[in-house]
PDB file of N, CA and C in Angstrom:
ATOM      1  N   UNK A   1     139.414 -45.201  41.539  1.00  0.00           N
ATOM      2  CA  UNK A   1     138.921 -44.515  40.348  1.00  0.00           C
ATOM      3  C   UNK A   1     138.676 -45.513  39.218  1.00  0.00           C
ATOM      4  N   UNK A   2     139.652 -46.334  38.918  1.00  0.00           N
ATOM      5  CA  UNK A   2     139.497 -47.306  37.832  1.00  0.00           C
ATOM      6  C   UNK A   2     138.462 -48.368  38.184  1.00  0.00           C
ATOM      7  N   UNK A   3     138.406 -48.763  39.446  1.00  0.00           N
ATOM      8  CA  UNK A   3     137.427 -49.766  39.862  1.00  0.00           C
ATOM      9  C   UNK A   3     136.005 -49.237  39.696  1.00  0.00           C
ATOM     10  N   UNK A   4     135.786 -47.973  40.016  1.00  0.00           N
ATOM     11  CA  UNK A   4     134.458 -47.374  39.867  1.00  0.00           C
ATOM     12  C   UNK A   4     134.065 -47.339  38.397  1.00  0.00           C
ATOM     13  N   UNK A   5     134.990 -46.984  37.532  1.00  0.00           N
ATOM     14  CA  UNK A   5     134.695 -46.955  36.097  1.00  0.00           C
ATOM     15  C   UNK A   5     134.434 -48.369  35.571  1.00  0.00           C
ATOM     16  N   UNK A   6     135.175 -49.358  36.062  1.00  0.00           N
ATOM     17  CA  UNK A   6     134.971 -50.737  35.629  1.00  0.00           C
ATOM     18  C   UNK A   6     133.595 -51.237  36.067  1.00  0.00           C
ATOM     19  N   UNK A   7     133.226 -50.964  37.317  1.00  0.00           N
ATOM     20  CA  UNK A   7     131.894 -51.340  37.795  1.00  0.00           C
ATOM     21  C   UNK A   7     130.838 -50.583  37.004  1.00  0.00           C
ATOM     22  N   UNK A   8     131.111 -49.327  36.692  1.00  0.00           N
ATOM     23  CA  UNK A   8     130.202 -48.551  35.851  1.00  0.00           C
ATOM     24  C   UNK A   8     130.018 -49.181  34.479  1.00  0.00           C
ATOM     25  N   UNK A   9     131.089 -49.703  33.911  1.00  0.00           N
ATOM     26  CA  UNK A   9     130.989 -50.373  32.610  1.00  0.00           C
ATOM     27  C   UNK A   9     130.108 -51.611  32.709  1.00  0.00           C
ATOM     28  N   UNK A  10     130.204 -52.334  33.804  1.00  0.00           N
ATOM     29  CA  UNK A  10     129.322 -53.487  34.007  1.00  0.00           C
ATOM     30  C   UNK A  10     127.860 -53.049  34.062  1.00  0.00           C
ATOM     31  N   UNK A  11     127.634 -51.813  34.526  1.00  0.00           N
ATOM     32  CA  UNK A  11     126.280 -51.281  34.619  1.00  0.00           C
ATOM     33  C   UNK A  11     125.805 -50.560  33.381  1.00  0.00           C
ATOM     34  N   UNK A  12     126.634 -50.505  32.345  1.00  0.00           N
ATOM     35  CA  UNK A  12     126.218 -49.897  31.090  1.00  0.00           C
ATOM     36  C   UNK A  12     126.896 -48.583  30.756  1.00  0.00           C
ATOM     37  N   UNK A  13     127.812 -48.128  31.588  1.00  0.00           N
ATOM     38  CA  UNK A  13     128.537 -46.885  31.323  1.00  0.00           C
ATOM     39  C   UNK A  13     129.479 -47.088  30.142  1.00  0.00           C
ATOM     40  N   UNK A  14     129.406 -46.193  29.163  1.00  0.00           N
ATOM     41  CA  UNK A  14     130.204 -46.346  27.947  1.00  0.00           C
ATOM     42  C   UNK A  14     131.586 -45.714  28.056  1.00  0.00           C
ATOM     43  N   UNK A  15     131.735 -44.690  28.875  1.00  0.00           N
ATOM     44  CA  UNK A  15     133.040 -44.075  29.091  1.00  0.00           C
ATOM     45  C   UNK A  15     133.589 -43.327  27.898  1.00  0.00           C
ATOM     46  N   UNK A  16     132.709 -42.716  27.117  1.00  0.00           N
ATOM     47  CA  UNK A  16     133.171 -41.934  25.969  1.00  0.00           C
ATOM     48  C   UNK A  16     133.828 -40.648  26.444  1.00  0.00           C
ATOM     49  N   UNK A  17     134.467 -39.974  25.549  1.00  0.00           N
ATOM     50  CA  UNK A  17     135.280 -38.803  25.862  1.00  0.00           C
ATOM     51  C   UNK A  17     134.538 -37.758  26.707  1.00  0.00           C
ATOM     52  N   UNK A  18     133.305 -37.430  26.355  1.00  0.00           N
ATOM     53  CA  UNK A  18     132.568 -36.371  27.049  1.00  0.00           C
ATOM     54  C   UNK A  18     131.481 -36.890  27.987  1.00  0.00           C
ATOM     55  N   UNK A  19     131.556 -38.141  28.392  1.00  0.00           N
ATOM     56  CA  UNK A  19     130.514 -38.723  29.240  1.00  0.00           C
ATOM     57  C   UNK A  19     130.618 -38.335  30.709  1.00  0.00           C
ATOM     58  N   UNK A  20     131.737 -37.861  31.162  1.00  0.00           N
ATOM     59  CA  UNK A  20     131.901 -37.599  32.589  1.00  0.00           C
ATOM     60  C   UNK A  20     132.111 -38.903  33.336  1.00  0.00           C
ATOM     61  N   UNK A  21     131.696 -38.918  34.586  1.00  0.00           N
ATOM     62  CA  UNK A  21     131.857 -40.111  35.411  1.00  0.00           C
ATOM     63  C   UNK A  21     130.524 -40.847  35.525  1.00  0.00           C
ATOM     64  N   UNK A  22     130.564 -42.154  35.807  1.00  0.00           N
ATOM     65  CA  UNK A  22     129.315 -42.906  35.941  1.00  0.00           C
ATOM     66  C   UNK A  22     128.518 -42.424  37.154  1.00  0.00           C
ATOM     67  N   UNK A  23     127.205 -42.403  37.014  1.00  0.00           N
ATOM     68  CA  UNK A  23     126.324 -41.984  38.103  1.00  0.00           C
ATOM     69  C   UNK A  23     126.013 -43.133  39.048  1.00  0.00           C
ATOM     70  N   UNK A  24     125.318 -42.795  40.112  1.00  0.00           N
ATOM     71  CA  UNK A  24     125.037 -43.782  41.153  1.00  0.00           C
ATOM     72  C   UNK A  24     124.160 -44.923  40.647  1.00  0.00           C
ATOM     73  N   UNK A  25     123.209 -44.632  39.761  1.00  0.00           N
ATOM     74  CA  UNK A  25     122.334 -45.689  39.232  1.00  0.00           C
ATOM     75  C   UNK A  25     123.128 -46.691  38.408  1.00  0.00           C
ATOM     76  N   UNK A  26     124.018 -46.195  37.571  1.00  0.00           N
ATOM     77  CA  UNK A  26     124.846 -47.073  36.740  1.00  0.00           C
ATOM     78  C   UNK A  26     125.808 -47.873  37.613  1.00  0.00           C
ATOM     79  N   UNK A  27     126.372 -47.236  38.628  1.00  0.00           N
ATOM     80  CA  UNK A  27     127.272 -47.945  39.541  1.00  0.00           C
ATOM     81  C   UNK A  27     126.501 -49.035  40.283  1.00  0.00           C
ATOM     82  N   UNK A  28     125.274 -48.731  40.700  1.00  0.00           N
ATOM     83  CA  UNK A  28     124.460 -49.731  41.395  1.00  0.00           C
ATOM     84  C   UNK A  28     124.166 -50.930  40.493  1.00  0.00           C
ATOM     85  N   UNK A  29     123.800 -50.659  39.244  1.00  0.00           N
ATOM     86  CA  UNK A  29     123.552 -51.761  38.294  1.00  0.00           C
ATOM     87  C   UNK A  29     124.818 -52.597  38.102  1.00  0.00           C
ATOM     88  N   UNK A  30     125.952 -51.920  37.971  1.00  0.00           N
ATOM     89  CA  UNK A  30     127.224 -52.628  37.814  1.00  0.00           C
ATOM     90  C   UNK A  30     127.569 -53.458  39.032  1.00  0.00           C
ATOM     91  N   UNK A  31     127.299 -52.914  40.226  1.00  0.00           N
ATOM     92  CA  UNK A  31     127.572 -53.638  41.467  1.00  0.00           C
ATOM     93  C   UNK A  31     126.717 -54.899  41.545  1.00  0.00           C
ATOM     94  N   UNK A  32     125.442 -54.778  41.158  1.00  0.00           N
ATOM     95  CA  UNK A  32     124.563 -55.946  41.150  1.00  0.00           C
ATOM     96  C   UNK A  32     125.063 -56.995  40.159  1.00  0.00           C
ATOM     97  N   UNK A  33     125.505 -56.551  39.012  1.00  0.00           N
ATOM     98  CA  UNK A  33     126.023 -57.492  38.009  1.00  0.00           C
ATOM     99  C   UNK A  33     127.299 -58.161  38.513  1.00  0.00           C
ATOM    100  N   UNK A  34     128.172 -57.397  39.176  1.00  0.00           N
ATOM    101  CA  UNK A  34     129.396 -57.960  39.744  1.00  0.00           C
ATOM    102  C   UNK A  34     129.057 -59.021  40.786  1.00  0.00           C
ATOM    103  N   UNK A  35     128.043 -58.772  41.605  1.00  0.00           N
ATOM    104  CA  UNK A  35     127.623 -59.774  42.587  1.00  0.00           C
ATOM    105  C   UNK A  35     127.104 -61.034  41.898  1.00  0.00           C
ATOM    106  N   UNK A  36     126.355 -60.866  40.823  1.00  0.00           N
ATOM    107  CA  UNK A  36     125.873 -62.020  40.056  1.00  0.00           C
ATOM    108  C   UNK A  36     127.036 -62.828  39.487  1.00  0.00           C
ATOM    109  N   UNK A  37     128.036 -62.130  38.965  1.00  0.00           N
ATOM    110  CA  UNK A  37     129.214 -62.804  38.409  1.00  0.00           C
ATOM    111  C   UNK A  37     129.952 -63.568  39.502  1.00  0.00           C
ATOM    112  N   UNK A  38     130.128 -62.933  40.664  1.00  0.00           N
ATOM    113  CA  UNK A  38     130.833 -63.576  41.772  1.00  0.00           C
ATOM    114  C   UNK A  38     130.069 -64.801  42.274  1.00  0.00           C
ATOM    115  N   UNK A  39     128.746 -64.694  42.376  1.00  0.00           N
ATOM    116  CA  UNK A  39     127.932 -65.825  42.820  1.00  0.00           C
ATOM    117  C   UNK A  39     128.023 -66.980  41.833  1.00  0.00           C
ATOM    118  N   UNK A  40     127.938 -66.664  40.549  1.00  0.00           N
ATOM    119  CA  UNK A  40     128.050 -67.700  39.520  1.00  0.00           C
ATOM    120  C   UNK A  40     129.407 -68.381  39.586  1.00  0.00           C
ATOM    121  N   UNK A  41     130.463 -67.588  39.733  1.00  0.00           N
ATOM    122  CA  UNK A  41     131.818 -68.132  39.838  1.00  0.00           C
ATOM    123  C   UNK A  41     131.920 -69.086  41.030  1.00  0.00           C
ATOM    124  N   UNK A  42     131.367 -68.668  42.163  1.00  0.00           N
ATOM    125  CA  UNK A  42     131.398 -69.493  43.367  1.00  0.00           C
ATOM    126  C   UNK A  42     130.657 -70.811  43.149  1.00  0.00           C
ATOM    127  N   UNK A  43     129.462 -70.734  42.562  1.00  0.00           N
ATOM    128  CA  UNK A  43     128.667 -71.943  42.345  1.00  0.00           C
ATOM    129  C   UNK A  43     129.339 -72.901  41.364  1.00  0.00           C
ATOM    130  N   UNK A  44     129.924 -72.369  40.309  1.00  0.00           N
ATOM    131  CA  UNK A  44     130.632 -73.217  39.340  1.00  0.00           C
ATOM    132  C   UNK A  44     131.843 -73.864  39.996  1.00  0.00           C
ATOM    133  N   UNK A  45     132.572 -73.091  40.780  1.00  0.00           N
ATOM    134  CA  UNK A  45     133.751 -73.616  41.465  1.00  0.00           C
ATOM    135  C   UNK A  45     133.355 -74.728  42.439  1.00  0.00           C
ATOM    136  N   UNK A  46     132.296 -74.512  43.201  1.00  0.00           N
ATOM    137  CA  UNK A  46     131.829 -75.525  44.146  1.00  0.00           C
ATOM    138  C   UNK A  46     131.384 -76.798  43.429  1.00  0.00           C
ATOM    139  N   UNK A  47     130.718 -76.628  42.312  1.00  0.00           N
ATOM    140  CA  UNK A  47     130.228 -77.795  41.571  1.00  0.00           C
ATOM    141  C   UNK A  47     131.388 -78.552  40.922  1.00  0.00           C
ATOM    142  N   UNK A  48     132.387 -77.814  40.454  1.00  0.00           N
ATOM    143  CA  UNK A  48     133.512 -78.436  39.768  1.00  0.00           C
ATOM    144  C   UNK A  48     134.479 -79.105  40.747  1.00  0.00           C
ATOM    145  N   UNK A  49     134.792 -78.406  41.851  1.00  0.00           N
ATOM    146  CA  UNK A  49     135.806 -78.909  42.777  1.00  0.00           C
ATOM    147  C   UNK A  49     135.218 -79.394  44.094  1.00  0.00           C
ATOM    148  N   UNK A  50     133.906 -79.236  44.262  1.00  0.00           N
ATOM    149  CA  UNK A  50     133.149 -79.450  45.447  1.00  0.00           C
ATOM    150  C   UNK A  50     133.404 -80.538  46.350  1.00  0.00           C
TER     151      UNK A  50
END
């Protein structure tokens, strides 16, 4: 539950009191952003400690 909301926040979900739960489009955007973050982290780590 919390992971879905966190990924939703990455996709633009604001999580206000009456917003309900994040929709599939927002979750998809958040998932794509999470993948971008993970890829960047991997590339920086490889370059730094490579």
